[in-house]
Amino acid sequence: MKDIIFSVLSAVFGFAGTVFGLVAFFRNKKSDDKDEGEKEGVVLTELGYIKKGIDGIEHRLEKQENAYVEVVTQIAEIKASAKQAHKRIDVLEEFRKQGGI
């Protein structure tokens, strides 16, 4: 009879230990999932800030490129105008050398 009682108690305690272990596992899993979710949220937020910063840099770079193209265009126009002015000056100089002025 003693053996039966010890066997039953052993089975009950074994089952109770298994139940307590499962309860602790699921409780810790829920806590771990919450912590992991918070970490993912922080990472996604930081990525959002980084993306916003990169977008701002790209916008400023595009404006800078447009300004560069405008400056290059103006320089080309100034060079063409200076070339025409030199031609007119050369004509006037030639005219002066021939006694025109």
N, C-alpha and C. Protein backbone atom coordinates (compact mmCIF):
# COMPACT_ATOMS: atom_id res chain seq x y z
N MET A 1 0.82 -1.17 0.00
CA MET A 1 0.00 0.00 0.00
C MET A 1 0.88 1.26 0.00
N LYS A 2 1.96 1.22 0.78
CA LYS A 2 2.89 2.33 0.82
C LYS A 2 3.46 2.61 -0.55
N ASP A 3 3.77 1.57 -1.25
CA ASP A 3 4.34 1.73 -2.59
C ASP A 3 3.35 2.40 -3.53
N ILE A 4 2.10 2.07 -3.40
CA ILE A 4 1.07 2.66 -4.26
C ILE A 4 0.92 4.15 -3.95
N ILE A 5 0.93 4.49 -2.66
CA ILE A 5 0.81 5.91 -2.27
C ILE A 5 2.01 6.70 -2.80
N PHE A 6 3.22 6.15 -2.64
CA PHE A 6 4.41 6.83 -3.15
C PHE A 6 4.36 6.95 -4.68
N SER A 7 3.87 5.95 -5.34
CA SER A 7 3.75 6.00 -6.80
C SER A 7 2.76 7.07 -7.23
N VAL A 8 1.62 7.12 -6.54
CA VAL A 8 0.60 8.12 -6.87
C VAL A 8 1.13 9.52 -6.57
N LEU A 9 1.74 9.69 -5.39
CA LEU A 9 2.31 11.00 -5.05
C LEU A 9 3.40 11.40 -6.05
N SER A 10 4.23 10.47 -6.44
CA SER A 10 5.28 10.77 -7.42
C SER A 10 4.66 11.21 -8.74
N ALA A 11 3.61 10.53 -9.17
CA ALA A 11 2.94 10.90 -10.42
C ALA A 11 2.30 12.27 -10.30
N VAL A 12 1.64 12.55 -9.16
CA VAL A 12 0.99 13.85 -8.96
C VAL A 12 2.03 14.95 -8.93
N PHE A 13 3.12 14.76 -8.18
CA PHE A 13 4.16 15.78 -8.13
C PHE A 13 4.86 15.96 -9.49
N GLY A 14 5.04 14.89 -10.21
CA GLY A 14 5.62 14.98 -11.55
C GLY A 14 4.72 15.77 -12.48
N PHE A 15 3.42 15.49 -12.41
CA PHE A 15 2.45 16.22 -13.24
C PHE A 15 2.41 17.70 -12.84
N ALA A 16 2.40 17.95 -11.51
CA ALA A 16 2.38 19.34 -11.03
C ALA A 16 3.64 20.08 -11.47
N GLY A 17 4.77 19.42 -11.40
CA GLY A 17 6.02 20.05 -11.85
C GLY A 17 5.96 20.39 -13.33
N THR A 18 5.39 19.49 -14.12
CA THR A 18 5.26 19.75 -15.55
C THR A 18 4.33 20.94 -15.80
N VAL A 19 3.20 21.00 -15.08
CA VAL A 19 2.26 22.11 -15.24
C VAL A 19 2.92 23.42 -14.84
N PHE A 20 3.60 23.46 -13.70
CA PHE A 20 4.28 24.68 -13.27
C PHE A 20 5.37 25.10 -14.27
N GLY A 21 6.06 24.13 -14.80
CA GLY A 21 7.08 24.44 -15.81
C GLY A 21 6.47 25.05 -17.06
N LEU A 22 5.34 24.48 -17.52
CA LEU A 22 4.68 25.04 -18.70
C LEU A 22 4.14 26.44 -18.43
N VAL A 23 3.55 26.66 -17.25
CA VAL A 23 3.04 27.99 -16.90
C VAL A 23 4.18 29.01 -16.90
N ALA A 24 5.30 28.66 -16.30
CA ALA A 24 6.46 29.57 -16.27
C ALA A 24 6.98 29.82 -17.69
N PHE A 25 7.01 28.78 -18.50
CA PHE A 25 7.48 28.94 -19.88
C PHE A 25 6.62 29.94 -20.65
N PHE A 26 5.29 29.76 -20.57
CA PHE A 26 4.41 30.66 -21.32
C PHE A 26 4.42 32.07 -20.77
N ARG A 27 4.56 32.21 -19.46
CA ARG A 27 4.64 33.55 -18.87
C ARG A 27 5.92 34.24 -19.35
N ASN A 28 7.03 33.54 -19.32
CA ASN A 28 8.30 34.11 -19.77
C ASN A 28 8.29 34.38 -21.27
N LYS A 29 7.63 33.51 -22.03
CA LYS A 29 7.55 33.72 -23.48
C LYS A 29 6.80 35.00 -23.79
N LYS A 30 5.70 35.26 -23.06
CA LYS A 30 4.92 36.48 -23.26
C LYS A 30 5.78 37.71 -22.95
N SER A 31 6.53 37.64 -21.86
CA SER A 31 7.41 38.74 -21.48
C SER A 31 8.52 38.92 -22.52
N ASP A 32 9.08 37.82 -22.98
CA ASP A 32 10.13 37.88 -24.01
C ASP A 32 9.59 38.47 -25.31
N ASP A 33 8.37 38.06 -25.69
CA ASP A 33 7.76 38.60 -26.91
C ASP A 33 7.54 40.10 -26.79
N LYS A 34 7.12 40.56 -25.59
CA LYS A 34 6.90 41.99 -25.37
C LYS A 34 8.22 42.74 -25.49
N ASP A 35 9.26 42.21 -24.86
CA ASP A 35 10.58 42.86 -24.93
C ASP A 35 11.09 42.91 -26.37
N GLU A 36 10.90 41.81 -27.09
CA GLU A 36 11.34 41.77 -28.49
C GLU A 36 10.56 42.77 -29.33
N GLY A 37 9.27 42.89 -29.07
CA GLY A 37 8.45 43.86 -29.81
C GLY A 37 8.90 45.28 -29.55
N GLU A 38 9.24 45.58 -28.29
CA GLU A 38 9.73 46.92 -27.97
C GLU A 38 11.04 47.21 -28.69
N LYS A 39 11.92 46.22 -28.71
CA LYS A 39 13.21 46.40 -29.39
C LYS A 39 13.00 46.62 -30.89
N GLU A 40 12.09 45.85 -31.49
CA GLU A 40 11.80 46.02 -32.92
C GLU A 40 11.22 47.40 -33.18
N GLY A 41 10.37 47.87 -32.28
CA GLY A 41 9.80 49.21 -32.43
C GLY A 41 10.86 50.28 -32.41
N VAL A 42 11.82 50.14 -31.50
CA VAL A 42 12.91 51.11 -31.41
C VAL A 42 13.74 51.09 -32.69
N VAL A 43 14.05 49.90 -33.17
CA VAL A 43 14.85 49.77 -34.39
C VAL A 43 14.11 50.40 -35.58
N LEU A 44 12.81 50.12 -35.70
CA LEU A 44 12.04 50.69 -36.81
C LEU A 44 11.96 52.21 -36.71
N THR A 45 11.83 52.72 -35.49
CA THR A 45 11.80 54.16 -35.31
C THR A 45 13.13 54.78 -35.73
N GLU A 46 14.22 54.18 -35.30
CA GLU A 46 15.54 54.69 -35.67
C GLU A 46 15.75 54.62 -37.19
N LEU A 47 15.29 53.55 -37.81
CA LEU A 47 15.40 53.45 -39.27
C LEU A 47 14.59 54.55 -39.94
N GLY A 48 13.44 54.87 -39.36
CA GLY A 48 12.63 55.96 -39.90
C GLY A 48 13.37 57.29 -39.84
N TYR A 49 14.04 57.54 -38.69
CA TYR A 49 14.83 58.77 -38.56
C TYR A 49 15.97 58.80 -39.58
N ILE A 50 16.62 57.68 -39.75
CA ILE A 50 17.73 57.60 -40.71
C ILE A 50 17.22 57.86 -42.12
N LYS A 51 16.08 57.25 -42.48
CA LYS A 51 15.50 57.44 -43.81
C LYS A 51 15.14 58.91 -44.03
N LYS A 52 14.55 59.54 -43.02
CA LYS A 52 14.19 60.95 -43.14
C LYS A 52 15.44 61.80 -43.35
N GLY A 53 16.51 61.48 -42.61
CA GLY A 53 17.76 62.22 -42.78
C GLY A 53 18.35 62.05 -44.17
N ILE A 54 18.32 60.84 -44.68
CA ILE A 54 18.83 60.57 -46.03
C ILE A 54 17.99 61.30 -47.07
N ASP A 55 16.67 61.29 -46.89
CA ASP A 55 15.80 62.01 -47.82
C ASP A 55 16.14 63.49 -47.84
N GLY A 56 16.40 64.06 -46.66
CA GLY A 56 16.78 65.48 -46.58
C GLY A 56 18.10 65.74 -47.29
N ILE A 57 19.06 64.85 -47.09
CA ILE A 57 20.36 65.00 -47.76
C ILE A 57 20.19 64.91 -49.27
N GLU A 58 19.38 63.96 -49.73
CA GLU A 58 19.15 63.83 -51.17
C GLU A 58 18.50 65.08 -51.74
N HIS A 59 17.55 65.66 -51.00
CA HIS A 59 16.88 66.88 -51.47
C HIS A 59 17.89 68.03 -51.58
N ARG A 60 18.72 68.19 -50.54
CA ARG A 60 19.73 69.26 -50.60
C ARG A 60 20.73 69.02 -51.72
N LEU A 61 21.11 67.77 -51.94
CA LEU A 61 22.05 67.44 -53.00
C LEU A 61 21.45 67.77 -54.37
N GLU A 62 20.17 67.48 -54.54
CA GLU A 62 19.50 67.79 -55.81
C GLU A 62 19.47 69.30 -56.04
N LYS A 63 19.18 70.06 -54.98
CA LYS A 63 19.19 71.52 -55.12
C LYS A 63 20.59 72.01 -55.47
N GLN A 64 21.60 71.41 -54.84
CA GLN A 64 22.99 71.80 -55.11
C GLN A 64 23.37 71.48 -56.56
N GLU A 65 22.94 70.32 -57.04
CA GLU A 65 23.22 69.95 -58.43
C GLU A 65 22.56 70.92 -59.40
N ASN A 66 21.32 71.30 -59.11
CA ASN A 66 20.62 72.27 -59.97
C ASN A 66 21.35 73.61 -59.98
N ALA A 67 21.82 74.05 -58.80
CA ALA A 67 22.56 75.30 -58.73
C ALA A 67 23.87 75.19 -59.52
N TYR A 68 24.53 74.04 -59.45
CA TYR A 68 25.77 73.82 -60.20
C TYR A 68 25.51 73.91 -61.70
N VAL A 69 24.44 73.27 -62.16
CA VAL A 69 24.11 73.31 -63.59
C VAL A 69 23.83 74.75 -64.02
N GLU A 70 23.14 75.50 -63.15
CA GLU A 70 22.85 76.89 -63.48
C GLU A 70 24.13 77.72 -63.58
N VAL A 71 25.06 77.51 -62.67
CA VAL A 71 26.33 78.23 -62.69
C VAL A 71 27.12 77.87 -63.95
N VAL A 72 27.17 76.59 -64.29
CA VAL A 72 27.90 76.16 -65.49
C VAL A 72 27.27 76.78 -66.74
N THR A 73 25.95 76.82 -66.78
CA THR A 73 25.26 77.43 -67.92
C THR A 73 25.60 78.91 -68.02
N GLN A 74 25.58 79.60 -66.88
CA GLN A 74 25.92 81.03 -66.89
C GLN A 74 27.36 81.26 -67.33
N ILE A 75 28.27 80.41 -66.90
CA ILE A 75 29.67 80.55 -67.30
C ILE A 75 29.80 80.36 -68.81
N ALA A 76 29.10 79.38 -69.35
CA ALA A 76 29.15 79.15 -70.80
C ALA A 76 28.62 80.37 -71.55
N GLU A 77 27.53 80.96 -71.05
CA GLU A 77 26.98 82.17 -71.70
C GLU A 77 27.95 83.34 -71.59
N ILE A 78 28.61 83.48 -70.43
CA ILE A 78 29.57 84.57 -70.25
C ILE A 78 30.77 84.38 -71.17
N LYS A 79 31.23 83.15 -71.32
CA LYS A 79 32.35 82.88 -72.22
C LYS A 79 31.98 83.22 -73.66
N ALA A 80 30.77 82.85 -74.07
CA ALA A 80 30.34 83.16 -75.44
C ALA A 80 30.23 84.67 -75.63
N SER A 81 29.71 85.36 -74.64
CA SER A 81 29.59 86.81 -74.72
C SER A 81 30.98 87.47 -74.77
N ALA A 82 31.91 86.98 -73.97
CA ALA A 82 33.27 87.53 -73.97
C ALA A 82 33.94 87.29 -75.32
N LYS A 83 33.69 86.12 -75.90
CA LYS A 83 34.27 85.82 -77.22
C LYS A 83 33.75 86.80 -78.26
N GLN A 84 32.44 87.08 -78.22
CA GLN A 84 31.86 88.05 -79.16
C GLN A 84 32.42 89.44 -78.91
N ALA A 85 32.59 89.80 -77.62
CA ALA A 85 33.15 91.12 -77.30
C ALA A 85 34.57 91.24 -77.82
N HIS A 86 35.37 90.19 -77.70
CA HIS A 86 36.74 90.22 -78.20
C HIS A 86 36.75 90.37 -79.71
N LYS A 87 35.81 89.74 -80.38
CA LYS A 87 35.75 89.89 -81.84
C LYS A 87 35.44 91.34 -82.21
N ARG A 88 34.49 91.95 -81.50
CA ARG A 88 34.15 93.35 -81.78
C ARG A 88 35.33 94.28 -81.46
N ILE A 89 36.02 93.99 -80.36
CA ILE A 89 37.19 94.80 -80.00
C ILE A 89 38.28 94.65 -81.06
N ASP A 90 38.49 93.45 -81.54
CA ASP A 90 39.49 93.22 -82.59
C ASP A 90 39.13 94.00 -83.85
N VAL A 91 37.84 94.03 -84.20
CA VAL A 91 37.41 94.78 -85.38
C VAL A 91 37.68 96.27 -85.17
N LEU A 92 37.36 96.77 -83.97
CA LEU A 92 37.61 98.19 -83.67
C LEU A 92 39.10 98.50 -83.69
N GLU A 93 39.91 97.63 -83.15
CA GLU A 93 41.36 97.82 -83.16
C GLU A 93 41.89 97.85 -84.59
N GLU A 94 41.41 96.95 -85.40
CA GLU A 94 41.84 96.91 -86.80
C GLU A 94 41.41 98.20 -87.52
N PHE A 95 40.20 98.63 -87.23
CA PHE A 95 39.68 99.86 -87.82
C PHE A 95 40.54 101.06 -87.37
N ARG A 96 40.92 101.10 -86.11
CA ARG A 96 41.74 102.19 -85.58
C ARG A 96 43.12 102.17 -86.23
N LYS A 97 43.70 100.97 -86.42
CA LYS A 97 45.02 100.86 -87.02
C LYS A 97 45.01 101.38 -88.45
N GLN A 98 43.90 101.22 -89.11
CA GLN A 98 43.81 101.68 -90.50
C GLN A 98 43.50 103.16 -90.59
N GLY A 99 43.44 103.80 -89.42
CA GLY A 99 43.27 105.25 -89.40
C GLY A 99 41.82 105.66 -89.36
N GLY A 100 40.93 104.78 -89.02
CA GLY A 100 39.52 105.10 -88.98
C GLY A 100 39.14 105.99 -87.82
N ILE A 101 39.82 105.87 -86.72
CA ILE A 101 39.47 106.69 -85.56
C ILE A 101 40.66 107.52 -85.17
